[in-house]
Amino acid sequence: MNSKRSVIVHYHSFKNSGTSFDELLTANYKDDHLCFDGPFPYTMFNQQELLKVIRRNPTKAAFSSHSIRLPVPTDLDHNAVAAVFVRHPILRIRSVYGFEMRSAGTAKKIKSALKKTLQGTTASADSTKPSLDNPSFDEWVTYLRTDQTMNLNAGLLSNSQTHMFCGVFGSVGLAKTFLHGSPNSFRLSDLDQAKRNLLTVPLLARTEAYDNDVKRFPAVLAEYGIEFTYKDLPAANVTNHESHQPVEKRLEKIREELSEDNWSWMNGANQQDLELYDFCNQILE
């Protein structure tokens, strides 16, 4: 009987410790760690296309991509051992803001758009006067909520992780936007499917508990015949240097950064992600 070739497949989610884990995979496997993505941000590789990548790279031990979605592919000759990181949704959104403001080109583009949108108007009476040269987190959220042409309201700020993890074989998961065109719009995806998918992920971890969760990976991977060593590497692509603080303390600070309207809306628009995060906490603790 032929034994399956087992490989690590890292489902790299933006701002969920993915870069740090990719560096750890490279530290373990050097050139046998393959990172790949499509030509466009919206490119997606389905399960069969992912299998093609795995089959055509027989020496690789690990694969990482932003462009793949759960569930993992099934194959008679290959076993994809999934690695997925989940993050508290409010902390993740705050980290996305930090990344956008610091990235060359992207920050300039957003600041330019903010100047046009915020001159003379804000979405909330609680919002502070716009700082046009250095947009605050509150101003950024207000902009994304009010500028419907970017269509980032529901996509980025509402239940984005539930949507990323609720895929079905051959397709992304189901999703529906409510109150479309309104600053109060939000997206709901298939939360039950997301939970089912995450239950099948052997290498499930949380950004907020990165070290503790990843330290269990060597024992898990040994069951698949994969050697893996945990190494305490510096965190990569960090935009908030208070990441060592407890979650509740960090959330309190974020609440102080936001207007009451933006804080209330953001929590309501991420109820599925919050439930999914609690679900992962229950699995891993």
C-alpha atoms as a PDB file:
ATOM      1  CA  MET A   1       0.000   0.000   0.000  1.00  0.00           C
ATOM      2  CA  ASN A   2       1.369   3.416  -0.974  1.00  0.00           C
ATOM      3  CA  SER A   3       1.666   5.969   1.806  1.00  0.00           C
ATOM      4  CA  LYS A   4       0.499   9.485   1.138  1.00  0.00           C
ATOM      5  CA  ARG A   5       2.920  12.351   0.844  1.00  0.00           C
ATOM      6  CA  SER A   6       2.026  14.827   3.594  1.00  0.00           C
ATOM      7  CA  VAL A   7       2.755  18.536   3.186  1.00  0.00           C
ATOM      8  CA  ILE A   8       1.918  21.655   5.179  1.00  0.00           C
ATOM      9  CA  VAL A   9      -0.508  24.029   3.463  1.00  0.00           C
ATOM     10  CA  HIS A  10      -0.633  27.460   5.067  1.00  0.00           C
ATOM     11  CA  TYR A  11      -3.847  29.344   4.311  1.00  0.00           C
ATOM     12  CA  HIS A  12      -2.260  32.779   4.657  1.00  0.00           C
ATOM     13  CA  SER A  13      -4.802  35.343   5.887  1.00  0.00           C
ATOM     14  CA  PHE A  14      -3.859  39.016   5.726  1.00  0.00           C
ATOM     15  CA  LYS A  15      -2.850  40.424   9.168  1.00  0.00           C
ATOM     16  CA  ASN A  16      -3.313  37.080  10.959  1.00  0.00           C
ATOM     17  CA  SER A  17       0.346  36.264  11.784  1.00  0.00           C
ATOM     18  CA  GLY A  18       0.811  34.827   8.306  1.00  0.00           C
ATOM     19  CA  THR A  19       4.132  36.483   7.575  1.00  0.00           C
ATOM     20  CA  SER A  20       5.558  35.354  10.908  1.00  0.00           C
ATOM     21  CA  PHE A  21       4.503  31.778  10.238  1.00  0.00           C
ATOM     22  CA  ASP A  22       5.853  31.906   6.676  1.00  0.00           C
ATOM     23  CA  GLU A  23       9.227  32.952   8.064  1.00  0.00           C
ATOM     24  CA  LEU A  24       9.100  30.031  10.480  1.00  0.00           C
ATOM     25  CA  LEU A  25       8.307  27.647   7.613  1.00  0.00           C
ATOM     26  CA  THR A  26      11.229  29.030   5.631  1.00  0.00           C
ATOM     27  CA  ALA A  27      13.496  28.659   8.674  1.00  0.00           C
ATOM     28  CA  ASN A  28      12.491  24.994   8.799  1.00  0.00           C
ATOM     29  CA  TYR A  29      12.451  24.075   5.118  1.00  0.00           C
ATOM     30  CA  LYS A  30      14.496  26.740   3.291  1.00  0.00           C
ATOM     31  CA  ASP A  31      13.807  26.414  -0.471  1.00  0.00           C
ATOM     32  CA  ASP A  32      11.370  23.585   0.168  1.00  0.00           C
ATOM     33  CA  HIS A  33       8.845  26.159   1.383  1.00  0.00           C
ATOM     34  CA  LEU A  34       6.921  27.512  -1.614  1.00  0.00           C
ATOM     35  CA  CYS A  35       4.925  30.768  -1.419  1.00  0.00           C
ATOM     36  CA  PHE A  36       2.611  31.423  -4.353  1.00  0.00           C
ATOM     37  CA  ASP A  37      -0.255  33.756  -5.223  1.00  0.00           C
ATOM     38  CA  GLY A  38      -2.239  34.668  -8.304  1.00  0.00           C
ATOM     39  CA  PRO A  39      -1.588  37.664 -10.553  1.00  0.00           C
ATOM     40  CA  PHE A  40      -4.431  39.700  -9.023  1.00  0.00           C
ATOM     41  CA  PRO A  41      -5.608  40.308  -5.430  1.00  0.00           C
ATOM     42  CA  TYR A  42      -8.918  38.618  -6.231  1.00  0.00           C
ATOM     43  CA  THR A  43      -7.345  35.503  -7.795  1.00  0.00           C
ATOM     44  CA  MET A  44      -8.440  32.276  -6.108  1.00  0.00           C
ATOM     45  CA  PHE A  45      -7.060  28.752  -6.573  1.00  0.00           C
ATOM     46  CA  ASN A  46      -9.654  26.047  -5.997  1.00  0.00           C
ATOM     47  CA  GLN A  47      -8.836  22.691  -4.438  1.00  0.00           C
ATOM     48  CA  GLN A  48      -7.926  20.993  -7.716  1.00  0.00           C
ATOM     49  CA  GLU A  49      -5.615  23.857  -8.693  1.00  0.00           C
ATOM     50  CA  LEU A  50      -3.921  23.683  -5.306  1.00  0.00           C
ATOM     51  CA  LEU A  51      -3.363  19.965  -5.838  1.00  0.00           C
ATOM     52  CA  LYS A  52      -1.703  20.731  -9.173  1.00  0.00           C
ATOM     53  CA  VAL A  53       0.756  23.025  -7.396  1.00  0.00           C
ATOM     54  CA  ILE A  54       1.511  20.340  -4.802  1.00  0.00           C
ATOM     55  CA  ARG A  55       1.920  17.577  -7.394  1.00  0.00           C
ATOM     56  CA  ARG A  56       4.201  19.637  -9.624  1.00  0.00           C
ATOM     57  CA  ASN A  57       6.523  20.441  -6.719  1.00  0.00           C
ATOM     58  CA  PRO A  58       7.375  16.986  -5.375  1.00  0.00           C
ATOM     59  CA  THR A  59      10.325  18.159  -3.245  1.00  0.00           C
ATOM     60  CA  LYS A  60       8.463  20.889  -1.374  1.00  0.00           C
ATOM     61  CA  ALA A  61       7.495  20.339   2.250  1.00  0.00           C
ATOM     62  CA  ALA A  62       5.288  23.400   2.792  1.00  0.00           C
ATOM     63  CA  PHE A  63       3.100  25.672   0.686  1.00  0.00           C
ATOM     64  CA  SER A  64       1.735  29.119   1.558  1.00  0.00           C
ATOM     65  CA  SER A  65      -0.783  31.254  -0.301  1.00  0.00           C
ATOM     66  CA  HIS A  66      -3.265  34.086   0.189  1.00  0.00           C
ATOM     67  CA  SER A  67      -5.169  32.729  -2.812  1.00  0.00           C
ATOM     68  CA  ILE A  68      -6.454  29.410  -1.446  1.00  0.00           C
ATOM     69  CA  ARG A  69      -9.561  28.700   0.591  1.00  0.00           C
ATOM     70  CA  LEU A  70     -10.778  25.953   2.876  1.00  0.00           C
ATOM     71  CA  PRO A  71     -11.799  23.138   2.799  1.00  0.00           C
ATOM     72  CA  VAL A  72      -8.565  21.299   2.062  1.00  0.00           C
ATOM     73  CA  PRO A  73      -8.354  19.207  -1.123  1.00  0.00           C
ATOM     74  CA  THR A  74      -8.697  15.434  -1.014  1.00  0.00           C
ATOM     75  CA  ASP A  75      -6.318  13.190  -2.945  1.00  0.00           C
ATOM     76  CA  LEU A  76      -5.250   9.545  -2.955  1.00  0.00           C
ATOM     77  CA  ASP A  77      -1.546  10.408  -3.034  1.00  0.00           C
ATOM     78  CA  HIS A  78      -1.246  13.669  -1.105  1.00  0.00           C
ATOM     79  CA  ASN A  79      -2.323  14.827   2.320  1.00  0.00           C
ATOM     80  CA  ALA A  80      -2.619  18.592   2.791  1.00  0.00           C
ATOM     81  CA  VAL A  81      -2.091  19.406   6.474  1.00  0.00           C
ATOM     82  CA  ALA A  82      -3.799  22.776   6.861  1.00  0.00           C
ATOM     83  CA  ALA A  83      -2.438  25.653   8.933  1.00  0.00           C
ATOM     84  CA  VAL A  84      -4.840  28.517   9.686  1.00  0.00           C
ATOM     85  CA  PHE A  85      -4.559  31.522  12.002  1.00  0.00           C
ATOM     86  CA  VAL A  86      -7.623  33.261  13.429  1.00  0.00           C
ATOM     87  CA  ARG A  87      -7.574  36.686  15.036  1.00  0.00           C
ATOM     88  CA  HIS A  88      -9.901  38.816  17.156  1.00  0.00           C
ATOM     89  CA  PRO A  89     -11.748  40.755  14.420  1.00  0.00           C
ATOM     90  CA  ILE A  90     -11.506  44.211  16.003  1.00  0.00           C
ATOM     91  CA  LEU A  91      -7.776  43.837  16.600  1.00  0.00           C
ATOM     92  CA  ARG A  92      -7.376  42.579  13.052  1.00  0.00           C
ATOM     93  CA  ILE A  93      -9.178  45.592  11.571  1.00  0.00           C
ATOM     94  CA  ARG A  94      -7.030  47.933  13.651  1.00  0.00           C
ATOM     95  CA  SER A  95      -3.933  46.151  12.345  1.00  0.00           C
ATOM     96  CA  VAL A  96      -5.142  46.479   8.751  1.00  0.00           C
ATOM     97  CA  TYR A  97      -5.462  50.228   9.311  1.00  0.00           C
ATOM     98  CA  GLY A  98      -1.878  50.397  10.601  1.00  0.00           C
ATOM     99  CA  PHE A  99      -0.644  48.466   7.578  1.00  0.00           C
ATOM    100  CA  GLU A 100      -2.560  50.669   5.130  1.00  0.00           C
ATOM    101  CA  MET A 101      -1.236  53.855   6.702  1.00  0.00           C
ATOM    102  CA  ARG A 102       2.380  52.663   6.655  1.00  0.00           C
ATOM    103  CA  SER A 103       2.568  50.981   3.268  1.00  0.00           C
ATOM    104  CA  ALA A 104       4.243  53.007   0.569  1.00  0.00           C
ATOM    105  CA  GLY A 105       1.834  53.965  -2.177  1.00  0.00           C
ATOM    106  CA  THR A 106      -1.235  52.565  -0.435  1.00  0.00           C
ATOM    107  CA  ALA A 107      -1.054  55.090   2.401  1.00  0.00           C
ATOM    108  CA  LYS A 108      -0.687  57.945  -0.063  1.00  0.00           C
ATOM    109  CA  LYS A 109      -3.667  56.746  -2.078  1.00  0.00           C
ATOM    110  CA  ILE A 110      -5.903  56.411   0.986  1.00  0.00           C
ATOM    111  CA  LYS A 111      -4.840  59.742   2.437  1.00  0.00           C
ATOM    112  CA  SER A 112      -5.598  61.449  -0.857  1.00  0.00           C
ATOM    113  CA  ALA A 113      -9.040  59.839  -0.971  1.00  0.00           C
ATOM    114  CA  LEU A 114      -9.660  60.758   2.660  1.00  0.00           C
ATOM    115  CA  LYS A 115      -8.950  64.399   1.965  1.00  0.00           C
ATOM    116  CA  LYS A 116     -11.584  64.447  -0.756  1.00  0.00           C
ATOM    117  CA  THR A 117     -14.149  62.550   1.312  1.00  0.00           C
ATOM    118  CA  LEU A 118     -13.668  64.170   4.696  1.00  0.00           C
ATOM    119  CA  GLN A 119     -13.379  67.808   3.700  1.00  0.00           C
ATOM    120  CA  GLY A 120     -16.407  69.424   5.249  1.00  0.00           C
ATOM    121  CA  THR A 121     -18.129  66.228   6.419  1.00  0.00           C
ATOM    122  CA  THR A 122     -17.910  63.310   8.848  1.00  0.00           C
ATOM    123  CA  ALA A 123     -20.234  60.333   9.315  1.00  0.00           C
ATOM    124  CA  SER A 124     -20.781  60.837  13.030  1.00  0.00           C
ATOM    125  CA  ALA A 125     -21.394  63.733  15.336  1.00  0.00           C
ATOM    126  CA  ASP A 126     -19.006  62.042  17.766  1.00  0.00           C
ATOM    127  CA  SER A 127     -16.153  62.047  15.255  1.00  0.00           C
ATOM    128  CA  THR A 128     -13.314  64.430  15.901  1.00  0.00           C
ATOM    129  CA  LYS A 129     -12.170  67.002  13.362  1.00  0.00           C
ATOM    130  CA  PRO A 130     -10.370  65.152  10.542  1.00  0.00           C
ATOM    131  CA  SER A 131      -6.608  65.166  10.648  1.00  0.00           C
ATOM    132  CA  LEU A 132      -6.142  65.263   6.891  1.00  0.00           C
ATOM    133  CA  ASP A 133      -2.364  64.843   6.899  1.00  0.00           C
ATOM    134  CA  ASN A 134      -2.465  61.851   9.210  1.00  0.00           C
ATOM    135  CA  PRO A 135      -5.883  60.119   9.165  1.00  0.00           C
ATOM    136  CA  SER A 136      -6.869  58.552  12.456  1.00  0.00           C
ATOM    137  CA  PHE A 137      -8.315  55.080  12.819  1.00  0.00           C
ATOM    138  CA  ASP A 138     -11.738  56.617  13.397  1.00  0.00           C
ATOM    139  CA  GLU A 139     -11.488  58.694  10.208  1.00  0.00           C
ATOM    140  CA  TRP A 140     -10.373  55.645   8.229  1.00  0.00           C
ATOM    141  CA  VAL A 141     -13.344  53.588   9.459  1.00  0.00           C
ATOM    142  CA  THR A 142     -15.713  56.480   8.721  1.00  0.00           C
ATOM    143  CA  TYR A 143     -14.310  56.750   5.211  1.00  0.00           C
ATOM    144  CA  LEU A 144     -14.720  53.051   4.457  1.00  0.00           C
ATOM    145  CA  ARG A 145     -18.254  53.090   5.821  1.00  0.00           C
ATOM    146  CA  THR A 146     -19.318  56.077   3.741  1.00  0.00           C
ATOM    147  CA  ASP A 147     -17.410  55.605   0.480  1.00  0.00           C
ATOM    148  CA  GLN A 148     -19.511  52.906  -1.164  1.00  0.00           C
ATOM    149  CA  THR A 149     -17.517  53.109  -4.406  1.00  0.00           C
ATOM    150  CA  MET A 150     -14.689  51.187  -2.713  1.00  0.00           C
ATOM    151  CA  ASN A 151     -17.077  48.417  -1.616  1.00  0.00           C
ATOM    152  CA  LEU A 152     -14.833  47.761   1.388  1.00  0.00           C
ATOM    153  CA  ASN A 153     -17.556  48.328   3.965  1.00  0.00           C
ATOM    154  CA  ALA A 154     -18.838  44.769   4.021  1.00  0.00           C
ATOM    155  CA  GLY A 155     -15.747  43.132   2.548  1.00  0.00           C
ATOM    156  CA  LEU A 156     -13.050  44.353   4.899  1.00  0.00           C
ATOM    157  CA  LEU A 157     -14.821  45.635   7.997  1.00  0.00           C
ATOM    158  CA  SER A 158     -17.568  43.044   8.459  1.00  0.00           C
ATOM    159  CA  ASN A 159     -17.121  39.326   9.251  1.00  0.00           C
ATOM    160  CA  SER A 160     -14.214  38.963   6.845  1.00  0.00           C
ATOM    161  CA  GLN A 161     -12.717  35.910   8.553  1.00  0.00           C
ATOM    162  CA  THR A 162     -15.995  34.019   8.571  1.00  0.00           C
ATOM    163  CA  HIS A 163     -16.178  34.611   4.842  1.00  0.00           C
ATOM    164  CA  MET A 164     -12.557  33.554   4.268  1.00  0.00           C
ATOM    165  CA  PHE A 165     -12.995  30.293   6.139  1.00  0.00           C
ATOM    166  CA  CYS A 166     -16.496  29.257   4.978  1.00  0.00           C
ATOM    167  CA  GLY A 167     -15.529  28.026   1.519  1.00  0.00           C
ATOM    168  CA  VAL A 168     -16.972  24.900  -0.059  1.00  0.00           C
ATOM    169  CA  PHE A 169     -15.286  22.515  -2.483  1.00  0.00           C
ATOM    170  CA  GLY A 170     -14.681  24.330  -5.751  1.00  0.00           C
ATOM    171  CA  SER A 171     -15.960  27.716  -4.626  1.00  0.00           C
ATOM    172  CA  VAL A 172     -15.809  30.463  -2.036  1.00  0.00           C
ATOM    173  CA  GLY A 173     -18.455  30.379   0.670  1.00  0.00           C
ATOM    174  CA  LEU A 174     -21.907  31.893   0.706  1.00  0.00           C
ATOM    175  CA  ALA A 175     -22.307  35.535   1.721  1.00  0.00           C
ATOM    176  CA  LYS A 176     -24.944  38.235   1.645  1.00  0.00           C
ATOM    177  CA  THR A 177     -24.694  41.981   2.274  1.00  0.00           C
ATOM    178  CA  PHE A 178     -27.484  43.695   4.184  1.00  0.00           C
ATOM    179  CA  LEU A 179     -28.366  47.415   4.076  1.00  0.00           C
ATOM    180  CA  HIS A 180     -26.227  47.742   0.969  1.00  0.00           C
ATOM    181  CA  GLY A 181     -25.316  51.340   0.169  1.00  0.00           C
ATOM    182  CA  SER A 182     -25.740  52.438   3.786  1.00  0.00           C
ATOM    183  CA  PRO A 183     -22.981  53.278   6.300  1.00  0.00           C
ATOM    184  CA  ASN A 184     -24.646  50.631   8.466  1.00  0.00           C
ATOM    185  CA  SER A 185     -24.318  47.820   5.916  1.00  0.00           C
ATOM    186  CA  PHE A 186     -22.840  44.499   7.028  1.00  0.00           C
ATOM    187  CA  ARG A 187     -22.103  41.075   5.590  1.00  0.00           C
ATOM    188  CA  LEU A 188     -23.216  37.668   6.789  1.00  0.00           C
ATOM    189  CA  SER A 189     -21.530  34.484   5.601  1.00  0.00           C
ATOM    190  CA  ASP A 190     -21.975  30.782   6.316  1.00  0.00           C
ATOM    191  CA  LEU A 191     -20.792  30.643   9.917  1.00  0.00           C
ATOM    192  CA  ASP A 192     -21.683  26.958  10.344  1.00  0.00           C
ATOM    193  CA  GLN A 193     -19.558  26.032   7.331  1.00  0.00           C
ATOM    194  CA  ALA A 194     -16.669  28.110   8.655  1.00  0.00           C
ATOM    195  CA  LYS A 195     -16.825  26.216  11.940  1.00  0.00           C
ATOM    196  CA  ARG A 196     -16.949  22.868  10.148  1.00  0.00           C
ATOM    197  CA  ASN A 197     -13.920  23.807   8.068  1.00  0.00           C
ATOM    198  CA  LEU A 198     -11.876  24.951  11.053  1.00  0.00           C
ATOM    199  CA  LEU A 199     -12.638  21.733  12.923  1.00  0.00           C
ATOM    200  CA  THR A 200     -10.705  19.876  10.204  1.00  0.00           C
ATOM    201  CA  VAL A 201      -7.591  22.086  10.506  1.00  0.00           C
ATOM    202  CA  PRO A 202      -4.819  20.260  12.414  1.00  0.00           C
ATOM    203  CA  LEU A 203      -2.653  23.386  12.684  1.00  0.00           C
ATOM    204  CA  LEU A 204      -5.222  25.853  13.995  1.00  0.00           C
ATOM    205  CA  ALA A 205      -3.852  28.827  15.928  1.00  0.00           C
ATOM    206  CA  ARG A 206      -4.703  32.316  17.148  1.00  0.00           C
ATOM    207  CA  THR A 207      -2.670  35.422  16.491  1.00  0.00           C
ATOM    208  CA  GLU A 208      -3.140  36.524  20.109  1.00  0.00           C
ATOM    209  CA  ALA A 209      -1.700  33.195  21.352  1.00  0.00           C
ATOM    210  CA  TYR A 210       0.811  32.669  18.549  1.00  0.00           C
ATOM    211  CA  ASP A 211       3.674  31.227  20.586  1.00  0.00           C
ATOM    212  CA  ASN A 212       1.589  28.863  22.699  1.00  0.00           C
ATOM    213  CA  ASP A 213      -0.431  27.595  19.763  1.00  0.00           C
ATOM    214  CA  VAL A 214       2.463  27.133  17.338  1.00  0.00           C
ATOM    215  CA  LYS A 215       4.526  25.327  19.984  1.00  0.00           C
ATOM    216  CA  ARG A 216       2.121  22.401  19.702  1.00  0.00           C
ATOM    217  CA  PHE A 217       2.674  22.093  15.941  1.00  0.00           C
ATOM    218  CA  PRO A 218       5.774  19.819  16.115  1.00  0.00           C
ATOM    219  CA  ALA A 219       3.830  17.096  17.953  1.00  0.00           C
ATOM    220  CA  VAL A 220       0.869  17.388  15.581  1.00  0.00           C
ATOM    221  CA  LEU A 221       3.055  17.261  12.474  1.00  0.00           C
ATOM    222  CA  ALA A 222       5.032  14.301  13.788  1.00  0.00           C
ATOM    223  CA  GLU A 223       1.817  12.269  13.468  1.00  0.00           C
ATOM    224  CA  TYR A 224       1.940  12.993   9.718  1.00  0.00           C
ATOM    225  CA  GLY A 225       5.633  12.135   9.448  1.00  0.00           C
ATOM    226  CA  ILE A 226       6.643  15.791   9.053  1.00  0.00           C
ATOM    227  CA  GLU A 227       9.611  17.169  10.993  1.00  0.00           C
ATOM    228  CA  PHE A 228       9.045  20.688  12.270  1.00  0.00           C
ATOM    229  CA  THR A 229      10.912  22.733  14.849  1.00  0.00           C
ATOM    230  CA  TYR A 230       9.433  25.696  16.667  1.00  0.00           C
ATOM    231  CA  LYS A 231      11.821  28.655  16.695  1.00  0.00           C
ATOM    232  CA  ASP A 232      11.267  31.866  18.641  1.00  0.00           C
ATOM    233  CA  LEU A 233      11.695  34.313  15.768  1.00  0.00           C
ATOM    234  CA  PRO A 234      10.909  38.043  15.958  1.00  0.00           C
ATOM    235  CA  ALA A 235       7.327  38.813  14.955  1.00  0.00           C
ATOM    236  CA  ALA A 236       7.126  39.927  11.319  1.00  0.00           C
ATOM    237  CA  ASN A 237       5.012  42.632   9.651  1.00  0.00           C
ATOM    238  CA  VAL A 238       3.866  44.055  13.001  1.00  0.00           C
ATOM    239  CA  THR A 239       2.015  47.386  12.828  1.00  0.00           C
ATOM    240  CA  ASN A 240       1.047  47.620  16.499  1.00  0.00           C
ATOM    241  CA  HIS A 241       3.845  47.261  19.009  1.00  0.00           C
ATOM    242  CA  GLU A 242       1.404  46.746  21.896  1.00  0.00           C
ATOM    243  CA  SER A 243       0.633  43.241  20.687  1.00  0.00           C
ATOM    244  CA  HIS A 244       2.032  41.838  23.935  1.00  0.00           C
ATOM    245  CA  GLN A 245      -0.782  43.492  25.895  1.00  0.00           C
ATOM    246  CA  PRO A 246      -3.864  41.461  26.946  1.00  0.00           C
ATOM    247  CA  VAL A 247      -6.691  41.434  24.428  1.00  0.00           C
ATOM    248  CA  GLU A 248      -9.116  43.305  26.674  1.00  0.00           C
ATOM    249  CA  LYS A 249      -6.613  46.074  27.332  1.00  0.00           C
ATOM    250  CA  ARG A 250      -5.971  46.509  23.619  1.00  0.00           C
ATOM    251  CA  LEU A 251      -9.705  46.589  22.905  1.00  0.00           C
ATOM    252  CA  GLU A 252     -10.178  49.299  25.514  1.00  0.00           C
ATOM    253  CA  LYS A 253      -7.592  51.439  23.758  1.00  0.00           C
ATOM    254  CA  ILE A 254      -9.231  50.872  20.374  1.00  0.00           C
ATOM    255  CA  ARG A 255     -12.580  51.899  21.817  1.00  0.00           C
ATOM    256  CA  GLU A 256     -10.997  55.175  22.892  1.00  0.00           C
ATOM    257  CA  GLU A 257      -9.824  55.729  19.289  1.00  0.00           C
ATOM    258  CA  LEU A 258     -13.304  55.342  17.798  1.00  0.00           C
ATOM    259  CA  SER A 259     -16.499  57.363  17.935  1.00  0.00           C
ATOM    260  CA  GLU A 260     -19.421  55.689  19.706  1.00  0.00           C
ATOM    261  CA  ASP A 261     -21.105  55.202  16.343  1.00  0.00           C
ATOM    262  CA  ASN A 262     -18.107  53.511  14.736  1.00  0.00           C
ATOM    263  CA  TRP A 263     -17.405  51.336  17.788  1.00  0.00           C
ATOM    264  CA  SER A 264     -21.012  50.192  18.060  1.00  0.00           C
ATOM    265  CA  TRP A 265     -21.333  49.508  14.344  1.00  0.00           C
ATOM    266  CA  MET A 266     -18.037  47.633  14.123  1.00  0.00           C
ATOM    267  CA  ASN A 267     -18.964  45.259  16.936  1.00  0.00           C
ATOM    268  CA  GLY A 268     -22.412  44.643  15.481  1.00  0.00           C
ATOM    269  CA  ALA A 269     -21.023  44.125  11.983  1.00  0.00           C
ATOM    270  CA  ASN A 270     -18.563  41.484  13.263  1.00  0.00           C
ATOM    271  CA  GLN A 271     -20.813  39.295  15.385  1.00  0.00           C
ATOM    272  CA  GLN A 272     -20.024  36.250  13.269  1.00  0.00           C
ATOM    273  CA  ASP A 273     -16.271  36.817  13.463  1.00  0.00           C
ATOM    274  CA  LEU A 274     -16.529  37.332  17.216  1.00  0.00           C
ATOM    275  CA  GLU A 275     -18.439  34.055  17.568  1.00  0.00           C
ATOM    276  CA  LEU A 276     -15.915  32.283  15.340  1.00  0.00           C
ATOM    277  CA  TYR A 277     -13.052  33.626  17.456  1.00  0.00           C
ATOM    278  CA  ASP A 278     -14.722  32.374  20.652  1.00  0.00           C
ATOM    279  CA  PHE A 279     -15.277  29.030  18.939  1.00  0.00           C
ATOM    280  CA  CYS A 280     -11.536  28.735  18.257  1.00  0.00           C
ATOM    281  CA  ASN A 281     -10.741  29.733  21.833  1.00  0.00           C
ATOM    282  CA  GLN A 282     -12.924  26.866  23.059  1.00  0.00           C
ATOM    283  CA  ILE A 283     -11.187  24.401  20.732  1.00  0.00           C
ATOM    284  CA  LEU A 284      -7.668  25.435  21.693  1.00  0.00           C
ATOM    285  CA  GLU A 285      -7.953  26.114  25.410  1.00  0.00           C
END
